[in-house]
Amino acid sequence: MILVLGGAGYIGSHMVDRLVKQGKSVVVVDSLATGFRPSIPPQVPFEQGDLRDAAFLNRVFETYAIQAVYHFAASSLVGESVSHPLKYYDNNVVGTLRLLECMHHHQVNHIVFSSTAAVYGEPETVPITESQRKAPTNTYGQTKLAVEDMLKWAGLAHGIKSVCLRYFNVAGAAISGQIGEAHNPETHLIPNVIKAAQGLKALTVFGNDYPTPDGTCIRDYIHVVDLVAAHEKAMQYLEQGGKSTVFNLGNGGGFSVKQIIDATEAVVGRAIPYEIKARRAGDPAVLVADATKAREVLGWVPQYTDVNAIIETAWRWHQSHPHGYEV
């Protein structure tokens, strides 16, 4: 049985969808603090509970004979992490500590961890490689780095093998259109551009004076379907005897905020109004991943490298679910 922690969230639900379609036995654990129960297929066992609750976790491991873990459960809002750092250490770090204790107790030794490019902070060079200096500029990134370190030492002491996947901007939705991205508040660019196209919210562009071709920030976008495929390959890598390691995930090329708006206008067939405001503090001009290691070691090749194709799947989801999973 495979445990997907945070499986009712955006990325976790797509991981569950992929595993179920491949006939894998899956159980989902989610607190539903930010996840949505309707995103999980009704036939999949679901346990609502908190990662920090050791008794709850142990019951799950005993009940379902867990053999491997995908860990997506975390608080992930950068701004909130700065204003409420202890919440992030409690949920992200203490929660994972409880998980690793439970895995060690039940002799479960394979985990794929959802990390982040935020561990790098301001990049020294672009594209960013895994060996670049880690210097997070917010608590979210710092807690993810702390978990990466904890996984390393748990591996050395207890034989828990891990892959940490550091990814950048995840976007898009399941090709079926049945599950997609739903956050409250929504902080990601592509869904916010789509909501502006739907007339549901105003769109703000923070800064148009960056040293980029059109003056707006450039980011690396990866389709959520490609992302969960990489998670599956990472687990296969561990099962085949691979050593604990980290991988960047990204398309290897970036798109500016203006390019995202232009591409969305092309997909939806209408102009999208937006307001330009001053830069936000701490926003680098360019963040792009070097995913060479993932391609070479895991054999992972993203299928959705065209930004229009990524946006089309997101648009399909938002058209049928304008208010997310809420009725």
Protein backbone atom coordinates (compact mmCIF):
# COMPACT_ATOMS: atom_id res chain seq x y z
CA MET A 1 0.00 0.00 0.00
CA ILE A 2 1.29 3.46 -0.95
CA LEU A 3 0.68 6.38 1.40
CA VAL A 4 0.11 9.80 -0.16
CA LEU A 5 0.34 12.53 2.47
CA GLY A 6 -1.45 15.71 1.45
CA GLY A 7 -3.24 13.68 -1.20
CA ALA A 8 -6.28 15.95 -1.23
CA GLY A 9 -4.19 18.95 -2.26
CA TYR A 10 -3.37 20.19 -5.75
CA ILE A 11 -0.29 18.11 -6.51
CA GLY A 12 -1.14 15.24 -4.17
CA SER A 13 -4.51 14.64 -5.84
CA HIS A 14 -2.83 14.38 -9.24
CA MET A 15 -0.36 11.88 -7.75
CA VAL A 16 -3.27 9.81 -6.45
CA ASP A 17 -4.99 10.02 -9.84
CA ARG A 18 -1.88 8.69 -11.58
CA LEU A 19 -1.34 5.84 -9.11
CA VAL A 20 -4.99 4.76 -9.20
CA LYS A 21 -5.04 4.69 -13.00
CA GLN A 22 -2.04 2.36 -12.86
CA GLY A 23 -3.84 -0.01 -10.53
CA LYS A 24 -1.76 0.81 -7.44
CA SER A 25 -3.18 0.44 -3.93
CA VAL A 26 -3.26 3.89 -2.35
CA VAL A 27 -4.36 5.45 0.93
CA VAL A 28 -4.62 9.22 1.34
CA VAL A 29 -3.92 11.15 4.53
CA ASP A 30 -4.88 14.82 4.61
CA SER A 31 -5.96 17.24 7.32
CA LEU A 32 -8.17 19.08 4.77
CA ALA A 33 -6.75 22.36 6.07
CA THR A 34 -6.08 23.29 2.45
CA GLY A 35 -7.07 20.10 0.60
CA PHE A 36 -10.44 19.05 -0.80
CA ARG A 37 -12.10 15.69 -0.18
CA PRO A 38 -13.87 15.69 -3.61
CA SER A 39 -10.46 15.63 -5.33
CA ILE A 40 -9.96 12.03 -4.14
CA PRO A 41 -11.68 9.15 -5.98
CA PRO A 42 -14.42 7.66 -3.78
CA GLN A 43 -12.87 4.19 -3.92
CA VAL A 44 -9.56 5.37 -2.42
CA PRO A 45 -9.25 4.95 1.36
CA PHE A 46 -9.08 8.36 3.01
CA GLU A 47 -7.94 9.20 6.52
CA GLN A 48 -8.40 12.74 7.81
CA GLY A 49 -5.81 13.65 10.38
CA ASP A 50 -2.78 15.69 11.29
CA LEU A 51 0.76 14.62 10.43
CA ARG A 52 1.89 15.76 13.87
CA ASP A 53 -0.45 13.28 15.58
CA ALA A 54 1.82 10.28 16.22
CA ALA A 55 -1.01 8.01 17.41
CA PHE A 56 -3.03 8.76 14.28
CA LEU A 57 -0.06 8.12 12.00
CA ASN A 58 0.82 4.85 13.68
CA ARG A 59 -2.77 3.66 13.30
CA VAL A 60 -2.63 4.44 9.56
CA PHE A 61 0.64 2.54 9.14
CA GLU A 62 -0.71 -0.44 11.07
CA THR A 63 -4.08 -0.50 9.31
CA TYR A 64 -2.83 -0.25 5.75
CA ALA A 65 0.57 -2.00 5.82
CA ILE A 66 2.32 0.99 4.25
CA GLN A 67 5.30 0.18 2.02
CA ALA A 68 6.24 3.60 0.57
CA VAL A 69 5.41 7.27 1.13
CA TYR A 70 4.84 10.31 -1.08
CA HIS A 71 4.98 13.41 1.13
CA PHE A 72 3.14 16.51 -0.13
CA ALA A 73 1.71 17.69 3.20
CA ALA A 74 3.02 21.15 4.06
CA SER A 75 2.12 24.77 4.60
CA SER A 76 3.39 26.56 1.50
CA LEU A 77 2.52 30.27 1.37
CA VAL A 78 5.73 32.27 1.24
CA GLY A 79 4.30 35.48 2.71
CA GLU A 80 2.53 33.68 5.52
CA SER A 81 5.69 31.75 6.31
CA VAL A 82 7.52 35.01 7.00
CA SER A 83 4.77 36.43 9.22
CA HIS A 84 4.03 33.10 10.99
CA PRO A 85 7.36 31.25 11.01
CA LEU A 86 6.61 29.04 14.02
CA LYS A 87 3.50 27.68 12.30
CA TYR A 88 5.68 26.60 9.39
CA TYR A 89 8.31 24.95 11.56
CA ASP A 90 5.56 23.17 13.49
CA ASN A 91 3.64 21.87 10.48
CA ASN A 92 6.45 21.27 8.00
CA VAL A 93 9.35 20.22 10.21
CA VAL A 94 7.70 18.73 13.30
CA GLY A 95 5.13 17.00 11.09
CA THR A 96 7.87 15.34 9.05
CA LEU A 97 9.75 14.41 12.22
CA ARG A 98 6.67 12.51 13.44
CA LEU A 99 6.39 10.86 10.02
CA LEU A 100 10.01 9.69 10.00
CA GLU A 101 9.70 8.33 13.51
CA CYS A 102 6.67 6.37 12.36
CA MET A 103 8.41 5.13 9.22
CA HIS A 104 11.39 3.99 11.26
CA HIS A 105 9.15 2.19 13.76
CA HIS A 106 7.29 0.36 10.99
CA GLN A 107 10.42 -0.25 8.88
CA VAL A 108 9.17 1.71 5.88
CA ASN A 109 12.27 2.92 4.07
CA HIS A 110 11.23 4.70 0.86
CA ILE A 111 9.98 8.30 0.72
CA VAL A 112 9.69 10.85 -2.07
CA PHE A 113 9.55 14.35 -0.62
CA SER A 114 8.00 17.43 -2.20
CA SER A 115 10.66 20.11 -1.75
CA THR A 116 11.03 23.48 -3.46
CA ALA A 117 13.33 25.76 -5.41
CA ALA A 118 12.86 28.18 -2.51
CA VAL A 119 15.75 26.38 -0.79
CA TYR A 120 18.12 28.26 -3.13
CA GLY A 121 16.96 31.79 -2.31
CA GLU A 122 18.47 34.37 -4.65
CA PRO A 123 20.20 32.29 -7.35
CA GLU A 124 23.90 32.70 -7.96
CA THR A 125 23.57 31.53 -11.56
CA VAL A 126 20.69 30.64 -13.88
CA PRO A 127 19.68 27.97 -14.74
CA ILE A 128 19.93 26.63 -11.19
CA THR A 129 21.68 23.32 -10.55
CA GLU A 130 21.28 21.10 -7.49
CA SER A 131 24.79 21.95 -6.29
CA GLN A 132 24.13 25.67 -6.05
CA ARG A 133 24.32 27.31 -2.62
CA LYS A 134 21.23 26.88 -0.48
CA ALA A 135 20.25 30.19 1.16
CA PRO A 136 16.47 30.45 1.63
CA THR A 137 15.04 33.94 1.93
CA ASN A 138 11.79 32.87 3.62
CA THR A 139 10.66 30.46 6.31
CA TYR A 140 8.89 28.20 3.81
CA GLY A 141 12.13 27.50 1.97
CA GLN A 142 14.04 27.19 5.22
CA THR A 143 11.65 24.55 6.59
CA LYS A 144 11.86 22.54 3.37
CA LEU A 145 15.65 22.65 3.59
CA ALA A 146 15.46 21.56 7.23
CA VAL A 147 13.40 18.55 6.18
CA GLU A 148 15.92 17.71 3.44
CA ASP A 149 18.65 17.71 6.09
CA MET A 150 16.52 15.59 8.42
CA LEU A 151 15.96 13.04 5.65
CA LYS A 152 19.71 12.84 5.05
CA TRP A 153 20.49 12.07 8.67
CA ALA A 154 17.53 9.68 9.03
CA GLY A 155 18.91 7.84 6.04
CA LEU A 156 22.36 7.52 7.51
CA ALA A 157 21.11 6.39 10.92
CA HIS A 158 17.99 4.38 10.06
CA GLY A 159 18.28 3.37 6.41
CA ILE A 160 15.38 5.52 5.22
CA LYS A 161 16.05 6.23 1.54
CA SER A 162 14.68 9.46 0.12
CA VAL A 163 14.42 11.53 -3.00
CA CYS A 164 13.82 15.27 -2.56
CA LEU A 165 12.29 16.95 -5.59
CA ARG A 166 12.90 20.69 -5.82
CA TYR A 167 10.45 22.24 -8.19
CA PHE A 168 9.55 25.67 -9.33
CA ASN A 169 6.12 26.79 -10.58
CA VAL A 170 3.60 23.98 -10.98
CA ALA A 171 0.62 24.63 -13.25
CA GLY A 172 -2.09 23.00 -15.31
CA ALA A 173 -4.66 20.34 -14.48
CA ALA A 174 -5.48 16.72 -15.19
CA ILE A 175 -6.18 16.14 -18.87
CA SER A 176 -9.61 14.79 -17.92
CA GLY A 177 -10.51 18.16 -16.40
CA GLN A 178 -11.87 16.41 -13.31
CA ILE A 179 -9.24 17.68 -10.87
CA GLY A 180 -7.18 20.84 -10.89
CA GLU A 181 -5.71 23.71 -8.93
CA ALA A 182 -7.80 25.21 -6.13
CA HIS A 183 -6.25 27.36 -3.42
CA ASN A 184 -7.74 29.86 -1.02
CA PRO A 185 -6.14 32.31 -1.18
CA GLU A 186 -4.80 31.73 -4.69
CA THR A 187 -1.27 33.06 -5.06
CA HIS A 188 -0.13 31.36 -8.28
CA LEU A 189 0.10 33.34 -11.49
CA ILE A 190 -1.65 31.14 -14.06
CA PRO A 191 -4.87 30.51 -12.07
CA ASN A 192 -4.97 34.20 -11.16
CA VAL A 193 -4.64 35.20 -14.82
CA ILE A 194 -7.45 32.77 -15.65
CA LYS A 195 -9.62 34.16 -12.86
CA ALA A 196 -9.04 37.62 -14.31
CA ALA A 197 -10.13 36.30 -17.71
CA GLN A 198 -13.29 34.97 -16.06
CA GLY A 199 -13.94 38.31 -14.39
CA LEU A 200 -13.60 36.78 -10.94
CA LYS A 201 -10.71 38.91 -9.66
CA ALA A 202 -8.41 41.75 -10.61
CA LEU A 203 -4.92 40.91 -11.84
CA THR A 204 -1.79 42.70 -10.66
CA VAL A 205 1.66 42.52 -12.26
CA PHE A 206 4.37 43.34 -9.75
CA GLY A 207 7.10 45.15 -11.63
CA ASN A 208 7.76 45.69 -15.33
CA ASP A 209 11.27 47.07 -14.98
CA TYR A 210 13.26 43.86 -14.48
CA PRO A 211 16.31 43.13 -16.66
CA THR A 212 14.31 40.74 -18.87
CA PRO A 213 13.17 41.12 -22.50
CA ASP A 214 9.74 42.53 -21.56
CA GLY A 215 10.58 43.82 -18.07
CA THR A 216 8.53 41.22 -16.15
CA CYS A 217 9.82 38.31 -14.07
CA ILE A 218 10.66 35.03 -15.75
CA ARG A 219 9.76 31.72 -14.12
CA ASP A 220 10.03 28.03 -15.00
CA TYR A 221 6.59 26.38 -15.30
CA ILE A 222 6.07 22.64 -15.07
CA HIS A 223 2.81 20.84 -15.78
CA VAL A 224 1.41 19.01 -12.77
CA VAL A 225 1.04 15.81 -14.83
CA ASP A 226 4.75 15.92 -15.69
CA LEU A 227 5.53 16.62 -12.05
CA VAL A 228 3.76 13.57 -10.66
CA ALA A 229 5.34 11.43 -13.38
CA ALA A 230 8.71 12.54 -12.01
CA HIS A 231 7.62 11.55 -8.49
CA GLU A 232 6.73 8.09 -9.73
CA LYS A 233 10.10 7.74 -11.46
CA ALA A 234 11.81 8.87 -8.26
CA MET A 235 10.07 6.13 -6.30
CA GLN A 236 11.02 3.55 -8.92
CA TYR A 237 14.61 4.78 -8.65
CA LEU A 238 14.58 4.11 -4.89
CA GLU A 239 12.93 0.71 -5.30
CA GLN A 240 15.64 -0.27 -7.78
CA GLY A 241 18.35 0.48 -5.24
CA GLY A 242 19.08 4.14 -5.95
CA LYS A 243 20.82 6.20 -3.28
CA SER A 244 19.15 9.10 -1.49
CA THR A 245 19.51 12.25 -3.54
CA VAL A 246 17.86 15.46 -4.75
CA PHE A 247 16.62 16.52 -8.17
CA ASN A 248 15.48 19.80 -9.66
CA LEU A 249 12.32 19.59 -11.74
CA GLY A 250 11.50 22.13 -14.41
CA ASN A 251 11.16 22.65 -18.12
CA GLY A 252 14.59 24.24 -18.31
CA GLY A 253 13.21 27.33 -19.97
CA GLY A 254 11.27 30.24 -18.57
CA PHE A 255 8.25 32.36 -19.42
CA SER A 256 7.73 35.93 -18.30
CA VAL A 257 4.62 37.18 -16.54
CA LYS A 258 3.70 39.08 -19.71
CA GLN A 259 4.17 35.94 -21.82
CA ILE A 260 1.83 34.04 -19.49
CA ILE A 261 -0.80 36.76 -19.86
CA ASP A 262 -0.39 36.82 -23.65
CA ALA A 263 -0.60 33.02 -23.88
CA THR A 264 -3.72 32.95 -21.70
CA GLU A 265 -5.34 35.59 -23.90
CA ALA A 266 -4.63 33.36 -26.91
CA VAL A 267 -6.16 30.32 -25.17
CA VAL A 268 -9.31 32.04 -23.88
CA GLY A 269 -9.79 34.31 -26.87
CA ARG A 270 -10.14 37.59 -25.03
CA ALA A 271 -8.06 40.44 -23.64
CA ILE A 272 -7.17 40.23 -19.95
CA PRO A 273 -6.96 43.50 -18.03
CA TYR A 274 -4.21 43.94 -15.47
CA GLU A 275 -2.61 46.62 -13.32
CA ILE A 276 1.12 47.15 -12.99
CA LYS A 277 2.42 47.89 -9.50
CA ALA A 278 5.84 48.17 -7.92
CA ARG A 279 8.10 45.17 -7.53
CA ARG A 280 7.61 42.91 -4.55
CA ALA A 281 10.59 42.63 -2.22
CA GLY A 282 12.63 39.49 -2.79
CA ASP A 283 11.35 38.65 -6.28
CA PRO A 284 14.35 37.60 -8.42
CA ALA A 285 14.23 38.58 -12.09
CA VAL A 286 14.75 35.04 -13.39
CA LEU A 287 14.25 31.61 -11.81
CA VAL A 288 14.82 28.68 -14.13
CA ALA A 289 15.78 25.10 -13.24
CA ASP A 290 18.53 22.99 -14.68
CA ALA A 291 16.78 19.60 -14.66
CA THR A 292 19.60 17.74 -16.45
CA LYS A 293 20.16 15.40 -13.50
CA ALA A 294 16.51 14.29 -13.41
CA ARG A 295 16.54 13.66 -17.14
CA GLU A 296 19.77 11.66 -17.04
CA VAL A 297 19.28 9.69 -13.81
CA LEU A 298 15.50 9.20 -13.77
CA GLY A 299 14.93 9.24 -17.52
CA TRP A 300 12.28 11.90 -16.93
CA VAL A 301 11.24 13.98 -19.93
CA PRO A 302 8.42 16.54 -19.47
CA GLN A 303 5.69 16.24 -22.07
CA TYR A 304 4.08 19.67 -21.60
CA THR A 305 6.80 22.17 -22.45
CA ASP A 306 4.57 24.55 -24.43
CA VAL A 307 3.03 27.13 -22.14
CA ASN A 308 -0.17 27.30 -24.21
CA ALA A 309 -0.71 23.57 -23.68
CA ILE A 310 -0.21 23.99 -19.94
CA ILE A 311 -2.67 26.88 -19.80
CA GLU A 312 -5.25 25.03 -21.94
CA THR A 313 -5.57 22.27 -19.33
CA ALA A 314 -5.86 24.82 -16.53
CA TRP A 315 -8.49 26.77 -18.50
CA ARG A 316 -10.55 23.59 -19.03
CA TRP A 317 -10.55 22.93 -15.28
CA HIS A 318 -11.41 26.50 -14.30
CA GLN A 319 -14.20 26.73 -16.87
CA SER A 320 -15.96 23.72 -15.34
CA HIS A 321 -14.97 24.60 -11.76
CA PRO A 322 -15.00 28.43 -11.54
CA HIS A 323 -15.08 28.24 -7.74
CA GLY A 324 -12.80 25.22 -7.40
CA TYR A 325 -14.31 22.29 -5.57
CA GLU A 326 -16.86 24.49 -3.82
CA VAL A 327 -20.40 24.14 -5.13
